[in-house]
Amino acid sequence: MQEIIKLLIGIGVLALGFPIGSYLAKITKEELKSGKRWFGIIIIVSLIGGVIGLILEDDVLMFSFFFIAIVTSRSLKK
């Protein structure tokens, strides 16, 4: 039961990454233009870290990296 609750909380936090990323993209347009390459690198590293967290079965590591990847990718979409 505790695992299900932790998983639901993690998914909820990941879902919050979408509006947070959109908001950050809206207020930091100048930085996004100059740092587009670095944001791509952050997304790739975060996805790799999330997969490693999944393999190691470390929920905190996995959700943290996937949250960073979601926020950064949403920032690039705007």
Protein backbone atom coordinates (compact mmCIF):
# COMPACT_ATOMS: atom_id res chain seq x y z
CA MET A 1 0.00 0.00 0.00
CA GLN A 2 2.83 2.40 0.82
CA GLU A 3 4.46 1.74 -2.55
CA ILE A 4 1.25 2.68 -4.37
CA ILE A 5 0.96 5.92 -2.40
CA LYS A 6 4.61 6.81 -3.10
CA LEU A 7 4.09 6.07 -6.78
CA LEU A 8 0.94 8.21 -6.95
CA ILE A 9 2.71 11.11 -5.22
CA GLY A 10 5.62 10.78 -7.66
CA ILE A 11 3.28 10.81 -10.66
CA GLY A 12 1.50 13.84 -9.22
CA VAL A 13 4.78 15.70 -8.87
CA LEU A 14 5.74 14.75 -12.43
CA ALA A 15 2.40 16.11 -13.64
CA LEU A 16 3.21 19.42 -11.95
CA GLY A 17 6.30 19.64 -14.18
CA PHE A 18 4.18 20.51 -17.21
CA PRO A 19 2.65 23.78 -15.92
CA ILE A 20 5.88 24.72 -14.12
CA GLY A 21 7.89 24.28 -17.33
CA SER A 22 5.39 26.33 -19.31
CA TYR A 23 5.46 29.08 -16.71
CA LEU A 24 9.26 29.19 -16.64
CA ALA A 25 9.36 29.36 -20.44
CA LYS A 26 6.97 32.29 -20.36
CA ILE A 27 9.00 34.36 -17.90
CA THR A 28 12.51 33.52 -19.17
CA LYS A 29 12.32 33.90 -22.94
CA GLU A 30 15.73 35.58 -23.27
CA GLU A 31 17.60 32.78 -21.52
CA LEU A 32 15.91 30.10 -23.61
CA LYS A 33 17.21 31.54 -26.87
CA SER A 34 20.83 31.66 -25.78
CA GLY A 35 20.85 28.37 -23.86
CA LYS A 36 18.93 26.10 -26.22
CA ARG A 37 21.90 23.76 -26.70
CA TRP A 38 22.44 23.42 -22.96
CA PHE A 39 18.78 22.68 -22.34
CA GLY A 40 19.03 19.81 -24.83
CA ILE A 41 22.02 18.41 -22.95
CA ILE A 42 20.14 18.72 -19.64
CA ILE A 43 17.20 16.79 -21.10
CA ILE A 44 19.42 13.96 -22.35
CA VAL A 45 21.32 13.69 -19.06
CA SER A 46 18.06 13.77 -17.08
CA LEU A 47 16.51 11.01 -19.17
CA ILE A 48 19.61 8.85 -18.74
CA GLY A 49 19.57 9.51 -14.98
CA GLY A 50 15.86 8.65 -14.83
CA VAL A 51 16.43 5.33 -16.59
CA ILE A 52 19.33 4.57 -14.24
CA GLY A 53 17.04 5.33 -11.29
CA LEU A 54 14.46 2.98 -12.78
CA ILE A 55 17.04 0.21 -13.19
CA LEU A 56 18.35 0.71 -9.64
CA GLU A 57 14.76 0.87 -8.34
CA ASP A 58 15.47 4.20 -6.65
CA ASP A 59 12.19 6.10 -6.87
CA VAL A 60 13.54 9.42 -5.63
CA LEU A 61 16.36 9.44 -8.17
CA MET A 62 14.06 8.38 -11.00
CA PHE A 63 11.31 10.91 -10.29
CA SER A 64 13.82 13.72 -9.72
CA PHE A 65 15.53 13.22 -13.05
CA PHE A 66 12.26 12.76 -14.94
CA PHE A 67 10.89 15.95 -13.32
CA ILE A 68 13.93 17.89 -14.52
CA ALA A 69 13.51 16.43 -18.01
CA ILE A 70 9.82 17.38 -18.14
CA VAL A 71 10.34 20.94 -16.93
CA THR A 72 13.25 21.51 -19.30
CA SER A 73 11.48 20.02 -22.31
CA ARG A 74 8.38 22.11 -21.65
CA SER A 75 10.57 25.17 -21.48
CA LEU A 76 12.00 24.41 -24.92
CA LYS A 77 8.57 23.84 -26.48
CA LYS A 78 7.46 27.41 -25.85
